[in-house]
Amino acid sequence: MEKLPRSKGCFVCGSPEENSRSLGVDIFWDGENERTVIKFLPDSTWCGYEGIVHGGIIASIFDDAMAWAARQAAGGWAVTGEMSVRYLRPVKAGMEYTAEGRVSKQSGRRLTTEAALTGEDGKRAAEATALFIKMPARKGRDGVE
């Protein structure tokens, strides 16, 4: 698996040294299965309710998992047009989770994506779908024209 670069100011994948508010997660690209993989171990600072990770943080991790999958598939950045998240069971602090994102369909600039969150117990905790819109190419942006 290939480790993808950090986005400096990103809340999810930014470097904690450059962005103290970033979750600092690492995002990997599994080219063989055409999906992103994000493993993380949330702590109590991620919680909205005692011991339970805030749903907005889960949605943010999904957004990055799917955005990076869209970037890999489309060869350039895409922005979230809409996203739907289903929370299936509580995501608990102190338990390891894996989020995976992939593109399920591409039509012109539109990319349909999906993501899933699984706990170390093997149970699915949440899932998401989203529509991303590929950005027009601009010179000088991340080397992608």
N, C-alpha and C. Protein backbone atom coordinates (compact mmCIF):
# COMPACT_ATOMS: atom_id res chain seq x y z
N MET A 1 0.84 -1.19 0.00
CA MET A 1 0.00 0.00 0.00
C MET A 1 0.88 1.24 0.00
N GLU A 2 0.41 2.24 -0.69
CA GLU A 2 1.14 3.51 -0.81
C GLU A 2 0.57 4.53 0.18
N LYS A 3 1.47 5.12 0.97
CA LYS A 3 1.04 6.19 1.88
C LYS A 3 0.84 7.46 1.06
N LEU A 4 -0.34 8.05 1.18
CA LEU A 4 -0.65 9.27 0.44
C LEU A 4 -0.12 10.48 1.21
N PRO A 5 0.17 11.57 0.50
CA PRO A 5 0.73 12.76 1.17
C PRO A 5 -0.30 13.44 2.07
N ARG A 6 0.20 14.14 3.04
CA ARG A 6 -0.67 14.92 3.93
C ARG A 6 -1.06 16.23 3.24
N SER A 7 -2.24 16.71 3.55
CA SER A 7 -2.65 18.05 3.12
C SER A 7 -2.44 18.96 4.32
N LYS A 8 -1.55 19.91 4.17
CA LYS A 8 -1.06 20.75 5.26
C LYS A 8 -2.12 21.20 6.27
N GLY A 9 -3.18 21.83 5.83
CA GLY A 9 -4.16 22.39 6.76
C GLY A 9 -5.35 21.49 7.04
N CYS A 10 -5.32 20.27 6.52
CA CYS A 10 -6.49 19.39 6.62
C CYS A 10 -6.79 18.97 8.06
N PHE A 11 -8.06 19.04 8.43
CA PHE A 11 -8.51 18.61 9.76
C PHE A 11 -8.27 17.12 9.98
N VAL A 12 -8.41 16.32 8.93
CA VAL A 12 -8.28 14.87 9.06
C VAL A 12 -6.84 14.41 8.88
N CYS A 13 -6.22 14.75 7.74
CA CYS A 13 -4.91 14.18 7.42
C CYS A 13 -3.76 15.17 7.53
N GLY A 14 -3.99 16.33 8.06
CA GLY A 14 -2.92 17.31 8.21
C GLY A 14 -1.88 16.85 9.22
N SER A 15 -0.71 17.41 9.10
CA SER A 15 0.36 17.09 10.04
C SER A 15 0.09 17.78 11.38
N PRO A 16 0.09 17.04 12.48
CA PRO A 16 -0.14 17.67 13.80
C PRO A 16 0.89 18.74 14.14
N GLU A 17 2.09 18.64 13.55
CA GLU A 17 3.11 19.65 13.80
C GLU A 17 2.74 20.98 13.12
N GLU A 18 2.09 20.90 11.97
CA GLU A 18 1.71 22.10 11.23
C GLU A 18 0.28 22.55 11.54
N ASN A 19 -0.54 21.64 12.04
CA ASN A 19 -1.94 21.94 12.33
C ASN A 19 -2.31 21.19 13.61
N SER A 20 -2.23 21.88 14.72
CA SER A 20 -2.45 21.24 16.02
C SER A 20 -3.86 20.68 16.19
N ARG A 21 -4.81 21.13 15.37
CA ARG A 21 -6.18 20.64 15.47
C ARG A 21 -6.45 19.43 14.58
N SER A 22 -5.48 19.04 13.78
CA SER A 22 -5.65 17.91 12.88
C SER A 22 -5.72 16.59 13.65
N LEU A 23 -6.51 15.67 13.13
CA LEU A 23 -6.56 14.32 13.69
C LEU A 23 -5.26 13.59 13.38
N GLY A 24 -4.57 14.00 12.33
CA GLY A 24 -3.26 13.45 11.99
C GLY A 24 -3.27 12.01 11.50
N VAL A 25 -4.37 11.56 10.91
CA VAL A 25 -4.43 10.17 10.44
C VAL A 25 -3.63 10.01 9.16
N ASP A 26 -3.13 8.82 8.95
CA ASP A 26 -2.44 8.46 7.72
C ASP A 26 -3.44 7.82 6.77
N ILE A 27 -3.35 8.19 5.50
CA ILE A 27 -4.24 7.63 4.48
C ILE A 27 -3.38 6.85 3.50
N PHE A 28 -3.80 5.62 3.22
CA PHE A 28 -3.07 4.75 2.31
C PHE A 28 -3.93 4.42 1.10
N TRP A 29 -3.26 4.20 -0.04
CA TRP A 29 -3.93 3.79 -1.26
C TRP A 29 -3.58 2.33 -1.52
N ASP A 30 -4.61 1.49 -1.58
CA ASP A 30 -4.48 0.08 -1.91
C ASP A 30 -4.82 -0.04 -3.39
N GLY A 31 -3.81 0.08 -4.24
CA GLY A 31 -4.02 0.09 -5.68
C GLY A 31 -4.60 -1.20 -6.22
N GLU A 32 -4.24 -2.30 -5.60
CA GLU A 32 -4.75 -3.60 -6.06
C GLU A 32 -6.27 -3.68 -5.93
N ASN A 33 -6.80 -3.13 -4.83
CA ASN A 33 -8.25 -3.15 -4.59
C ASN A 33 -8.91 -1.81 -4.87
N GLU A 34 -8.14 -0.84 -5.37
CA GLU A 34 -8.61 0.50 -5.72
C GLU A 34 -9.45 1.13 -4.60
N ARG A 35 -8.82 1.26 -3.44
CA ARG A 35 -9.50 1.84 -2.28
C ARG A 35 -8.50 2.54 -1.38
N THR A 36 -9.01 3.49 -0.61
CA THR A 36 -8.20 4.12 0.43
C THR A 36 -8.41 3.33 1.72
N VAL A 37 -7.42 3.37 2.58
CA VAL A 37 -7.49 2.69 3.87
C VAL A 37 -6.97 3.66 4.93
N ILE A 38 -7.77 3.86 5.97
CA ILE A 38 -7.39 4.73 7.08
C ILE A 38 -7.60 3.96 8.37
N LYS A 39 -6.53 3.65 9.06
CA LYS A 39 -6.63 2.98 10.38
C LYS A 39 -6.43 4.05 11.45
N PHE A 40 -7.27 4.00 12.48
CA PHE A 40 -7.13 5.00 13.54
C PHE A 40 -7.61 4.45 14.87
N LEU A 41 -7.10 5.06 15.92
CA LEU A 41 -7.43 4.70 17.29
C LEU A 41 -7.90 5.97 17.98
N PRO A 42 -9.22 6.24 17.99
CA PRO A 42 -9.71 7.50 18.58
C PRO A 42 -9.50 7.53 20.09
N ASP A 43 -9.24 8.73 20.60
CA ASP A 43 -9.12 8.89 22.05
C ASP A 43 -10.29 9.75 22.56
N SER A 44 -10.29 10.05 23.82
CA SER A 44 -11.42 10.76 24.43
C SER A 44 -11.62 12.17 23.88
N THR A 45 -10.58 12.76 23.27
CA THR A 45 -10.74 14.11 22.71
C THR A 45 -11.58 14.10 21.43
N TRP A 46 -11.86 12.92 20.88
CA TRP A 46 -12.67 12.79 19.67
C TRP A 46 -14.15 12.60 20.01
N CYS A 47 -14.48 12.54 21.29
CA CYS A 47 -15.83 12.16 21.71
C CYS A 47 -16.79 13.35 21.80
N GLY A 48 -18.05 13.08 21.45
CA GLY A 48 -19.12 14.04 21.64
C GLY A 48 -19.89 13.68 22.90
N TYR A 49 -20.10 12.41 23.09
CA TYR A 49 -20.73 11.86 24.28
C TYR A 49 -19.66 11.00 24.93
N GLU A 50 -19.64 10.92 26.23
CA GLU A 50 -18.57 10.23 26.94
C GLU A 50 -18.29 8.83 26.37
N GLY A 51 -17.07 8.67 25.87
CA GLY A 51 -16.63 7.39 25.35
C GLY A 51 -17.07 7.08 23.92
N ILE A 52 -17.91 7.93 23.32
CA ILE A 52 -18.44 7.70 21.98
C ILE A 52 -17.93 8.81 21.04
N VAL A 53 -17.30 8.39 19.94
CA VAL A 53 -16.73 9.34 18.99
C VAL A 53 -17.84 10.18 18.35
N HIS A 54 -17.59 11.47 18.21
CA HIS A 54 -18.53 12.42 17.61
C HIS A 54 -18.81 12.02 16.16
N GLY A 55 -20.07 12.04 15.78
CA GLY A 55 -20.46 11.68 14.42
C GLY A 55 -19.84 12.55 13.36
N GLY A 56 -19.59 13.81 13.68
CA GLY A 56 -18.96 14.71 12.72
C GLY A 56 -17.53 14.30 12.40
N ILE A 57 -16.84 13.74 13.36
CA ILE A 57 -15.48 13.26 13.11
C ILE A 57 -15.53 12.03 12.20
N ILE A 58 -16.48 11.15 12.44
CA ILE A 58 -16.64 9.99 11.57
C ILE A 58 -16.94 10.44 10.14
N ALA A 59 -17.84 11.41 10.00
CA ALA A 59 -18.18 11.94 8.67
C ALA A 59 -16.96 12.57 8.01
N SER A 60 -16.13 13.26 8.79
CA SER A 60 -14.92 13.89 8.25
C SER A 60 -13.94 12.84 7.74
N ILE A 61 -13.77 11.76 8.49
CA ILE A 61 -12.88 10.68 8.06
C ILE A 61 -13.42 10.04 6.78
N PHE A 62 -14.74 9.82 6.72
CA PHE A 62 -15.34 9.30 5.49
C PHE A 62 -15.09 10.24 4.32
N ASP A 63 -15.26 11.54 4.55
CA ASP A 63 -15.08 12.52 3.49
C ASP A 63 -13.67 12.42 2.92
N ASP A 64 -12.66 12.32 3.77
CA ASP A 64 -11.28 12.19 3.29
C ASP A 64 -11.06 10.84 2.60
N ALA A 65 -11.59 9.77 3.15
CA ALA A 65 -11.43 8.45 2.53
C ALA A 65 -11.98 8.46 1.10
N MET A 66 -13.13 9.07 0.92
CA MET A 66 -13.75 9.10 -0.41
C MET A 66 -13.10 10.14 -1.32
N ALA A 67 -12.69 11.29 -0.76
CA ALA A 67 -12.04 12.33 -1.56
C ALA A 67 -10.72 11.83 -2.14
N TRP A 68 -9.94 11.14 -1.33
CA TRP A 68 -8.66 10.62 -1.82
C TRP A 68 -8.87 9.49 -2.81
N ALA A 69 -9.92 8.69 -2.63
CA ALA A 69 -10.24 7.64 -3.62
C ALA A 69 -10.63 8.31 -4.94
N ALA A 70 -11.41 9.39 -4.86
CA ALA A 70 -11.80 10.13 -6.07
C ALA A 70 -10.57 10.72 -6.75
N ARG A 71 -9.66 11.26 -5.97
CA ARG A 71 -8.43 11.84 -6.55
C ARG A 71 -7.62 10.78 -7.27
N GLN A 72 -7.49 9.62 -6.67
CA GLN A 72 -6.74 8.54 -7.30
C GLN A 72 -7.42 8.08 -8.58
N ALA A 73 -8.73 7.97 -8.57
CA ALA A 73 -9.48 7.48 -9.73
C ALA A 73 -9.52 8.50 -10.86
N ALA A 74 -9.67 9.78 -10.50
CA ALA A 74 -9.86 10.83 -11.51
C ALA A 74 -8.56 11.53 -11.90
N GLY A 75 -7.49 11.29 -11.16
CA GLY A 75 -6.23 11.93 -11.47
C GLY A 75 -6.17 13.40 -11.11
N GLY A 76 -7.07 13.85 -10.27
CA GLY A 76 -7.10 15.24 -9.83
C GLY A 76 -8.11 15.38 -8.70
N TRP A 77 -8.13 16.55 -8.09
CA TRP A 77 -9.01 16.78 -6.94
C TRP A 77 -10.47 16.86 -7.35
N ALA A 78 -11.31 16.41 -6.44
CA ALA A 78 -12.76 16.52 -6.58
C ALA A 78 -13.29 17.03 -5.25
N VAL A 79 -14.42 17.73 -5.31
CA VAL A 79 -15.02 18.27 -4.09
C VAL A 79 -16.33 17.55 -3.80
N THR A 80 -16.69 17.51 -2.54
CA THR A 80 -17.90 16.84 -2.11
C THR A 80 -19.12 17.63 -2.55
N GLY A 81 -20.02 16.98 -3.29
CA GLY A 81 -21.28 17.61 -3.69
C GLY A 81 -22.37 17.29 -2.70
N GLU A 82 -22.40 16.06 -2.26
CA GLU A 82 -23.34 15.64 -1.20
C GLU A 82 -22.81 14.35 -0.59
N MET A 83 -23.21 14.13 0.66
CA MET A 83 -22.77 12.94 1.37
C MET A 83 -23.87 12.47 2.31
N SER A 84 -24.01 11.16 2.40
CA SER A 84 -24.97 10.56 3.31
C SER A 84 -24.23 9.56 4.19
N VAL A 85 -24.45 9.64 5.50
CA VAL A 85 -23.78 8.75 6.45
C VAL A 85 -24.83 7.98 7.24
N ARG A 86 -24.59 6.69 7.39
CA ARG A 86 -25.44 5.85 8.25
C ARG A 86 -24.57 5.37 9.42
N TYR A 87 -25.01 5.68 10.62
CA TYR A 87 -24.32 5.25 11.83
C TYR A 87 -25.00 3.97 12.32
N LEU A 88 -24.28 2.87 12.33
CA LEU A 88 -24.86 1.58 12.62
C LEU A 88 -24.70 1.13 14.07
N ARG A 89 -23.61 1.56 14.69
CA ARG A 89 -23.35 1.25 16.11
C ARG A 89 -22.36 2.27 16.64
N PRO A 90 -22.29 2.43 17.95
CA PRO A 90 -21.38 3.43 18.51
C PRO A 90 -19.92 3.16 18.15
N VAL A 91 -19.20 4.22 17.84
CA VAL A 91 -17.76 4.16 17.60
C VAL A 91 -17.12 4.59 18.91
N LYS A 92 -16.36 3.70 19.51
CA LYS A 92 -15.86 3.91 20.87
C LYS A 92 -14.41 4.35 20.92
N ALA A 93 -14.12 5.29 21.80
CA ALA A 93 -12.74 5.70 22.06
C ALA A 93 -11.97 4.50 22.59
N GLY A 94 -10.71 4.40 22.18
CA GLY A 94 -9.85 3.33 22.66
C GLY A 94 -9.96 2.03 21.87
N MET A 95 -10.79 2.01 20.84
CA MET A 95 -10.93 0.83 19.98
C MET A 95 -10.41 1.19 18.60
N GLU A 96 -9.66 0.29 17.96
CA GLU A 96 -9.12 0.59 16.63
C GLU A 96 -10.18 0.36 15.55
N TYR A 97 -10.17 1.27 14.56
CA TYR A 97 -11.11 1.21 13.45
C TYR A 97 -10.37 1.34 12.13
N THR A 98 -11.01 0.84 11.08
CA THR A 98 -10.49 0.99 9.72
C THR A 98 -11.59 1.55 8.84
N ALA A 99 -11.30 2.67 8.20
CA ALA A 99 -12.21 3.26 7.21
C ALA A 99 -11.64 2.96 5.83
N GLU A 100 -12.53 2.60 4.92
CA GLU A 100 -12.13 2.35 3.54
C GLU A 100 -13.04 3.15 2.63
N GLY A 101 -12.47 3.71 1.57
CA GLY A 101 -13.25 4.48 0.61
C GLY A 101 -12.91 4.06 -0.80
N ARG A 102 -13.90 4.12 -1.68
CA ARG A 102 -13.66 3.76 -3.08
C ARG A 102 -14.65 4.48 -3.99
N VAL A 103 -14.31 4.54 -5.26
CA VAL A 103 -15.19 5.09 -6.28
C VAL A 103 -15.99 3.93 -6.85
N SER A 104 -17.30 4.07 -6.87
CA SER A 104 -18.14 3.00 -7.42
C SER A 104 -18.60 3.30 -8.84
N LYS A 105 -18.55 4.58 -9.24
CA LYS A 105 -19.01 4.96 -10.58
C LYS A 105 -18.41 6.32 -10.94
N GLN A 106 -18.05 6.48 -12.21
CA GLN A 106 -17.56 7.76 -12.69
C GLN A 106 -18.24 8.07 -14.01
N SER A 107 -18.78 9.28 -14.10
CA SER A 107 -19.43 9.73 -15.32
C SER A 107 -19.07 11.20 -15.53
N GLY A 108 -18.19 11.44 -16.48
CA GLY A 108 -17.71 12.81 -16.70
C GLY A 108 -17.00 13.31 -15.46
N ARG A 109 -17.43 14.47 -14.95
CA ARG A 109 -16.81 15.04 -13.74
C ARG A 109 -17.43 14.51 -12.46
N ARG A 110 -18.47 13.69 -12.55
CA ARG A 110 -19.18 13.18 -11.37
C ARG A 110 -18.62 11.82 -10.95
N LEU A 111 -18.28 11.70 -9.67
CA LEU A 111 -17.80 10.45 -9.12
C LEU A 111 -18.70 10.04 -7.96
N THR A 112 -19.23 8.84 -8.02
CA THR A 112 -20.02 8.30 -6.93
C THR A 112 -19.09 7.45 -6.09
N THR A 113 -19.09 7.70 -4.79
CA THR A 113 -18.16 7.01 -3.89
C THR A 113 -18.92 6.33 -2.76
N GLU A 114 -18.21 5.42 -2.09
CA GLU A 114 -18.78 4.78 -0.90
C GLU A 114 -17.65 4.52 0.09
N ALA A 115 -18.03 4.42 1.35
CA ALA A 115 -17.05 4.18 2.41
C ALA A 115 -17.69 3.33 3.50
N ALA A 116 -16.83 2.63 4.23
CA ALA A 116 -17.30 1.81 5.34
C ALA A 116 -16.31 1.93 6.49
N LEU A 117 -16.82 1.82 7.70
CA LEU A 117 -16.00 1.87 8.91
C LEU A 117 -16.22 0.58 9.69
N THR A 118 -15.13 -0.14 9.94
CA THR A 118 -15.19 -1.42 10.64
C THR A 118 -14.33 -1.36 11.89
N GLY A 119 -14.84 -1.91 12.98
CA GLY A 119 -14.10 -1.95 14.23
C GLY A 119 -13.17 -3.14 14.29
N GLU A 120 -12.29 -3.14 15.28
CA GLU A 120 -11.35 -4.25 15.45
C GLU A 120 -12.08 -5.56 15.72
N ASP A 121 -13.34 -5.48 16.10
CA ASP A 121 -14.16 -6.67 16.33
C ASP A 121 -14.75 -7.23 15.03
N GLY A 122 -14.45 -6.56 13.90
CA GLY A 122 -14.94 -7.01 12.60
C GLY A 122 -16.34 -6.55 12.26
N LYS A 123 -16.98 -5.80 13.16
CA LYS A 123 -18.35 -5.33 12.92
C LYS A 123 -18.32 -3.96 12.24
N ARG A 124 -19.22 -3.78 11.28
CA ARG A 124 -19.35 -2.50 10.60
C ARG A 124 -20.03 -1.51 11.54
N ALA A 125 -19.41 -0.34 11.71
CA ALA A 125 -19.93 0.67 12.62
C ALA A 125 -20.65 1.80 11.90
N ALA A 126 -20.26 2.06 10.66
CA ALA A 126 -20.89 3.15 9.89
C ALA A 126 -20.57 2.94 8.42
N GLU A 127 -21.36 3.61 7.57
CA GLU A 127 -21.13 3.55 6.14
C GLU A 127 -21.59 4.87 5.52
N ALA A 128 -21.06 5.16 4.34
CA ALA A 128 -21.39 6.43 3.70
C ALA A 128 -21.37 6.29 2.19
N THR A 129 -22.09 7.18 1.54
CA THR A 129 -22.02 7.34 0.10
C THR A 129 -21.89 8.84 -0.17
N ALA A 130 -21.31 9.17 -1.30
CA ALA A 130 -21.15 10.59 -1.63
C ALA A 130 -21.05 10.77 -3.13
N LEU A 131 -21.34 11.99 -3.52
CA LEU A 131 -21.14 12.43 -4.89
C LEU A 131 -20.03 13.47 -4.86
N PHE A 132 -18.98 13.25 -5.64
CA PHE A 132 -17.89 14.21 -5.77
C PHE A 132 -17.89 14.77 -7.18
N ILE A 133 -17.48 16.02 -7.30
CA ILE A 133 -17.37 16.69 -8.59
C ILE A 133 -15.90 17.01 -8.84
N LYS A 134 -15.36 16.49 -9.95
CA LYS A 134 -13.96 16.73 -10.26
C LYS A 134 -13.74 18.20 -10.58
N MET A 135 -12.71 18.77 -9.99
CA MET A 135 -12.34 20.17 -10.22
C MET A 135 -11.63 20.29 -11.56
N PRO A 136 -11.85 21.41 -12.25
CA PRO A 136 -11.10 21.63 -13.49
C PRO A 136 -9.61 21.72 -13.18
N ALA A 137 -8.79 21.23 -14.09
CA ALA A 137 -7.33 21.25 -13.89
C ALA A 137 -6.82 22.68 -13.88
N ARG A 138 -5.88 22.94 -12.97
CA ARG A 138 -5.21 24.24 -12.89
C ARG A 138 -3.72 23.98 -12.75
N LYS A 139 -2.93 24.70 -13.48
CA LYS A 139 -1.47 24.54 -13.39
C LYS A 139 -0.99 24.91 -12.00
N GLY A 140 -0.01 24.13 -11.52
CA GLY A 140 0.64 24.46 -10.28
C GLY A 140 -0.03 23.91 -9.03
N ARG A 141 -1.18 23.27 -9.14
CA ARG A 141 -1.86 22.75 -7.97
C ARG A 141 -1.46 21.29 -7.77
N ASP A 142 -0.64 21.01 -6.78
CA ASP A 142 -0.20 19.67 -6.42
C ASP A 142 0.42 18.92 -7.61
N GLY A 143 0.95 19.64 -8.59
CA GLY A 143 1.56 18.99 -9.73
C GLY A 143 0.57 18.33 -10.66
N VAL A 144 -0.71 18.52 -10.43
CA VAL A 144 -1.74 17.92 -11.26
C VAL A 144 -2.26 19.00 -12.19
N GLU A 145 -2.18 18.74 -13.48
CA GLU A 145 -2.66 19.74 -14.45
C GLU A 145 -3.91 19.26 -15.14
